[in-house]
Amino acid sequence: MKTPAPPIRPLSDLRELTPPRIGLTDAMRNCVSNIHGAGLSYDEAAFKIAWLVREGLARQVTGVALKDESGGGSTAQIASDKRECDKSET
């Protein structure tokens, strides 16, 4: 008899993908957490992550130096950003 596969856990947090290196502290990293049905939706999390990546690159900072000023990623804001992104792809 086959062993049942372990249950799939919902994504609960995502840390900025920064290669490990000596001297890199948690204060230099960003984390988006509480990503699940009762917390931050996948769309809201994606919005925050995209904002952190875009602003981190533009400002050349990460971690505590990069405050989340994304506005929370409301459904209307996410839809508006998606339409803008779709326009730029055509």
N, C-alpha and C. Protein backbone atom coordinates (compact mmCIF):
# COMPACT_ATOMS: atom_id res chain seq x y z
N MET A 1 0.84 -1.18 0.00
CA MET A 1 0.00 0.00 0.00
C MET A 1 0.89 1.25 0.00
N LYS A 2 0.51 2.22 -0.82
CA LYS A 2 1.27 3.46 -0.91
C LYS A 2 1.02 4.34 0.31
N THR A 3 2.04 5.01 0.73
CA THR A 3 1.90 5.98 1.82
C THR A 3 1.25 7.23 1.26
N PRO A 4 0.21 7.74 1.94
CA PRO A 4 -0.43 8.95 1.42
C PRO A 4 0.52 10.14 1.45
N ALA A 5 0.35 10.99 0.48
CA ALA A 5 1.18 12.19 0.39
C ALA A 5 0.84 13.12 1.55
N PRO A 6 1.82 13.85 2.05
CA PRO A 6 1.52 14.80 3.12
C PRO A 6 0.58 15.89 2.60
N PRO A 7 -0.26 16.42 3.48
CA PRO A 7 -1.18 17.48 3.03
C PRO A 7 -0.40 18.71 2.58
N ILE A 8 -0.94 19.41 1.62
CA ILE A 8 -0.31 20.64 1.14
C ILE A 8 -0.65 21.76 2.10
N ARG A 9 0.37 22.36 2.67
CA ARG A 9 0.16 23.47 3.59
C ARG A 9 0.03 24.75 2.79
N PRO A 10 -0.88 25.63 3.22
CA PRO A 10 -0.97 26.92 2.51
C PRO A 10 0.30 27.71 2.74
N LEU A 11 0.61 28.56 1.79
CA LEU A 11 1.77 29.43 1.91
C LEU A 11 1.52 30.37 3.07
N SER A 12 2.41 30.39 4.04
CA SER A 12 2.18 31.25 5.19
C SER A 12 3.09 32.48 5.20
N ASP A 13 4.26 32.36 4.61
CA ASP A 13 5.11 33.55 4.54
C ASP A 13 6.12 33.40 3.40
N LEU A 14 6.57 34.53 2.93
CA LEU A 14 7.54 34.55 1.84
C LEU A 14 8.59 35.60 2.17
N ARG A 15 9.80 35.16 2.21
CA ARG A 15 10.89 36.09 2.47
C ARG A 15 11.55 36.47 1.15
N GLU A 16 12.04 37.67 1.11
CA GLU A 16 12.75 38.14 -0.08
C GLU A 16 13.87 37.14 -0.38
N LEU A 17 14.01 36.78 -1.61
CA LEU A 17 15.02 35.81 -1.98
C LEU A 17 16.36 36.51 -2.11
N THR A 18 17.10 36.50 -1.04
CA THR A 18 18.42 37.12 -0.99
C THR A 18 19.44 36.04 -0.77
N PRO A 19 20.44 35.93 -1.62
CA PRO A 19 21.44 34.89 -1.41
C PRO A 19 22.12 35.06 -0.06
N PRO A 20 22.32 33.96 0.67
CA PRO A 20 22.99 34.08 1.97
C PRO A 20 24.42 34.58 1.79
N ARG A 21 24.83 35.41 2.69
CA ARG A 21 26.22 35.87 2.69
C ARG A 21 26.58 36.33 4.10
N ILE A 22 27.84 36.33 4.38
CA ILE A 22 28.32 36.74 5.70
C ILE A 22 27.93 38.19 5.92
N GLY A 23 27.38 38.46 7.09
CA GLY A 23 27.01 39.82 7.45
C GLY A 23 25.58 40.19 7.12
N LEU A 24 24.84 39.34 6.40
CA LEU A 24 23.44 39.63 6.06
C LEU A 24 22.57 39.35 7.28
N THR A 25 21.90 40.35 7.79
CA THR A 25 21.06 40.17 8.97
C THR A 25 19.59 40.22 8.58
N ASP A 26 18.72 39.81 9.52
CA ASP A 26 17.27 39.88 9.27
C ASP A 26 16.81 41.32 9.03
N ALA A 27 17.51 42.29 9.58
CA ALA A 27 17.15 43.69 9.39
C ALA A 27 17.32 44.13 7.95
N MET A 28 18.06 43.34 7.16
CA MET A 28 18.30 43.66 5.75
C MET A 28 17.34 42.93 4.82
N ARG A 29 16.41 42.17 5.41
CA ARG A 29 15.50 41.36 4.61
C ARG A 29 14.06 41.81 4.83
N ASN A 30 13.20 41.55 3.87
CA ASN A 30 11.77 41.83 3.99
C ASN A 30 11.02 40.51 4.03
N CYS A 31 9.91 40.49 4.73
CA CYS A 31 9.09 39.29 4.83
C CYS A 31 7.62 39.67 4.69
N VAL A 32 6.90 38.96 3.86
CA VAL A 32 5.45 39.10 3.76
C VAL A 32 4.89 37.83 4.37
N SER A 33 4.11 37.96 5.44
CA SER A 33 3.63 36.78 6.15
C SER A 33 2.11 36.79 6.29
N ASN A 34 1.60 35.72 6.90
CA ASN A 34 0.17 35.55 7.14
C ASN A 34 -0.59 35.40 5.82
N ILE A 35 0.01 34.69 4.85
CA ILE A 35 -0.59 34.50 3.54
C ILE A 35 -1.41 33.21 3.56
N HIS A 36 -2.72 33.34 3.72
CA HIS A 36 -3.63 32.19 3.71
C HIS A 36 -5.05 32.71 3.72
N GLY A 37 -6.01 31.81 3.65
CA GLY A 37 -7.42 32.18 3.54
C GLY A 37 -7.93 33.11 4.63
N ALA A 38 -7.43 32.95 5.84
CA ALA A 38 -7.89 33.79 6.95
C ALA A 38 -7.00 35.01 7.16
N GLY A 39 -5.99 35.18 6.32
CA GLY A 39 -5.07 36.30 6.47
C GLY A 39 -4.99 37.10 5.18
N LEU A 40 -3.79 37.31 4.73
CA LEU A 40 -3.53 38.06 3.50
C LEU A 40 -3.84 37.17 2.30
N SER A 41 -4.63 37.66 1.36
CA SER A 41 -4.95 36.86 0.17
C SER A 41 -3.72 36.75 -0.73
N TYR A 42 -3.73 35.79 -1.64
CA TYR A 42 -2.61 35.63 -2.56
C TYR A 42 -2.43 36.88 -3.42
N ASP A 43 -3.55 37.49 -3.85
CA ASP A 43 -3.46 38.71 -4.65
C ASP A 43 -2.83 39.86 -3.85
N GLU A 44 -3.26 40.01 -2.59
CA GLU A 44 -2.69 41.07 -1.75
C GLU A 44 -1.21 40.82 -1.49
N ALA A 45 -0.86 39.57 -1.24
CA ALA A 45 0.55 39.23 -0.99
C ALA A 45 1.39 39.50 -2.24
N ALA A 46 0.87 39.11 -3.41
CA ALA A 46 1.60 39.34 -4.66
C ALA A 46 1.80 40.84 -4.88
N PHE A 47 0.78 41.63 -4.58
CA PHE A 47 0.87 43.09 -4.72
C PHE A 47 1.98 43.64 -3.82
N LYS A 48 1.98 43.21 -2.55
CA LYS A 48 3.00 43.68 -1.61
C LYS A 48 4.41 43.26 -2.04
N ILE A 49 4.53 42.01 -2.48
CA ILE A 49 5.83 41.51 -2.90
C ILE A 49 6.34 42.28 -4.12
N ALA A 50 5.44 42.50 -5.09
CA ALA A 50 5.82 43.26 -6.29
C ALA A 50 6.24 44.68 -5.90
N TRP A 51 5.50 45.29 -4.97
CA TRP A 51 5.84 46.64 -4.52
C TRP A 51 7.21 46.64 -3.86
N LEU A 52 7.47 45.67 -2.96
CA LEU A 52 8.76 45.60 -2.27
C LEU A 52 9.92 45.42 -3.26
N VAL A 53 9.73 44.56 -4.24
CA VAL A 53 10.79 44.32 -5.23
C VAL A 53 11.02 45.59 -6.05
N ARG A 54 9.94 46.16 -6.58
CA ARG A 54 10.06 47.36 -7.43
C ARG A 54 10.70 48.52 -6.67
N GLU A 55 10.20 48.80 -5.47
CA GLU A 55 10.71 49.93 -4.70
C GLU A 55 12.10 49.65 -4.15
N GLY A 56 12.37 48.40 -3.78
CA GLY A 56 13.70 48.05 -3.30
C GLY A 56 14.76 48.29 -4.36
N LEU A 57 14.43 47.89 -5.60
CA LEU A 57 15.36 48.11 -6.70
C LEU A 57 15.51 49.60 -7.01
N ALA A 58 14.38 50.32 -7.02
CA ALA A 58 14.43 51.75 -7.35
C ALA A 58 15.18 52.55 -6.29
N ARG A 59 14.96 52.20 -5.02
CA ARG A 59 15.59 52.95 -3.92
C ARG A 59 16.93 52.38 -3.49
N GLN A 60 17.24 51.18 -3.99
CA GLN A 60 18.48 50.50 -3.62
C GLN A 60 18.59 50.24 -2.11
N VAL A 61 17.45 49.87 -1.49
CA VAL A 61 17.41 49.53 -0.07
C VAL A 61 16.48 48.34 0.14
N THR A 62 16.68 47.63 1.24
CA THR A 62 15.79 46.54 1.63
C THR A 62 15.68 46.54 3.15
N GLY A 63 14.91 45.61 3.66
CA GLY A 63 14.78 45.44 5.11
C GLY A 63 14.13 46.63 5.78
N VAL A 64 14.62 46.95 6.98
CA VAL A 64 14.01 48.03 7.76
C VAL A 64 14.12 49.39 7.08
N ALA A 65 15.03 49.54 6.14
CA ALA A 65 15.16 50.80 5.41
C ALA A 65 14.05 50.98 4.37
N LEU A 66 13.31 49.90 4.08
CA LEU A 66 12.23 49.95 3.09
C LEU A 66 10.91 49.71 3.80
N LYS A 67 10.23 50.77 4.16
CA LYS A 67 8.93 50.68 4.83
C LYS A 67 7.85 50.35 3.81
N ASP A 68 6.88 49.52 4.21
CA ASP A 68 5.79 49.15 3.31
C ASP A 68 4.84 50.33 3.16
N GLU A 69 4.91 51.00 2.04
CA GLU A 69 4.03 52.12 1.71
C GLU A 69 3.15 51.74 0.53
N SER A 70 2.90 50.44 0.37
CA SER A 70 2.17 49.94 -0.79
C SER A 70 0.68 50.27 -0.74
N GLY A 71 0.17 50.63 0.42
CA GLY A 71 -1.24 50.93 0.51
C GLY A 71 -2.09 49.70 0.76
N GLY A 72 -1.48 48.57 0.98
CA GLY A 72 -2.22 47.38 1.36
C GLY A 72 -2.68 46.50 0.23
N GLY A 73 -2.73 46.99 -0.97
CA GLY A 73 -3.13 46.15 -2.08
C GLY A 73 -4.61 45.79 -2.06
N SER A 74 -5.48 46.81 -2.02
CA SER A 74 -6.91 46.55 -2.06
C SER A 74 -7.27 45.89 -3.39
N THR A 75 -8.41 45.24 -3.43
CA THR A 75 -8.84 44.56 -4.65
C THR A 75 -8.89 45.52 -5.83
N ALA A 76 -9.39 46.74 -5.61
CA ALA A 76 -9.47 47.73 -6.69
C ALA A 76 -8.07 48.14 -7.14
N GLN A 77 -7.17 48.31 -6.20
CA GLN A 77 -5.80 48.72 -6.54
C GLN A 77 -5.08 47.62 -7.31
N ILE A 78 -5.29 46.38 -6.89
CA ILE A 78 -4.68 45.24 -7.58
C ILE A 78 -5.21 45.16 -9.01
N ALA A 79 -6.52 45.31 -9.18
CA ALA A 79 -7.13 45.25 -10.51
C ALA A 79 -6.61 46.38 -11.39
N SER A 80 -6.47 47.57 -10.83
CA SER A 80 -5.95 48.71 -11.59
C SER A 80 -4.52 48.46 -12.04
N ASP A 81 -3.69 47.96 -11.13
CA ASP A 81 -2.30 47.66 -11.49
C ASP A 81 -2.21 46.57 -12.54
N LYS A 82 -3.10 45.58 -12.46
CA LYS A 82 -3.10 44.49 -13.44
C LYS A 82 -3.47 45.05 -14.82
N ARG A 83 -4.46 45.96 -14.87
CA ARG A 83 -4.82 46.56 -16.16
C ARG A 83 -3.65 47.34 -16.74
N GLU A 84 -2.94 48.11 -15.91
CA GLU A 84 -1.78 48.86 -16.37
C GLU A 84 -0.69 47.92 -16.90
N CYS A 85 -0.49 46.82 -16.19
CA CYS A 85 0.52 45.85 -16.59
C CYS A 85 0.10 45.21 -17.92
N ASP A 86 -1.18 44.86 -18.06
CA ASP A 86 -1.68 44.26 -19.30
C ASP A 86 -1.47 45.20 -20.49
N LYS A 87 -1.70 46.52 -20.25
CA LYS A 87 -1.51 47.51 -21.32
C LYS A 87 -0.07 47.54 -21.79
N SER A 88 0.86 47.45 -20.84
CA SER A 88 2.27 47.57 -21.21
C SER A 88 2.77 46.35 -21.96
N GLU A 89 2.05 45.23 -21.86
CA GLU A 89 2.46 44.01 -22.54
C GLU A 89 1.98 43.96 -23.99
N THR A 90 1.08 44.87 -24.37
CA THR A 90 0.54 44.85 -25.73
C THR A 90 1.25 45.83 -26.62
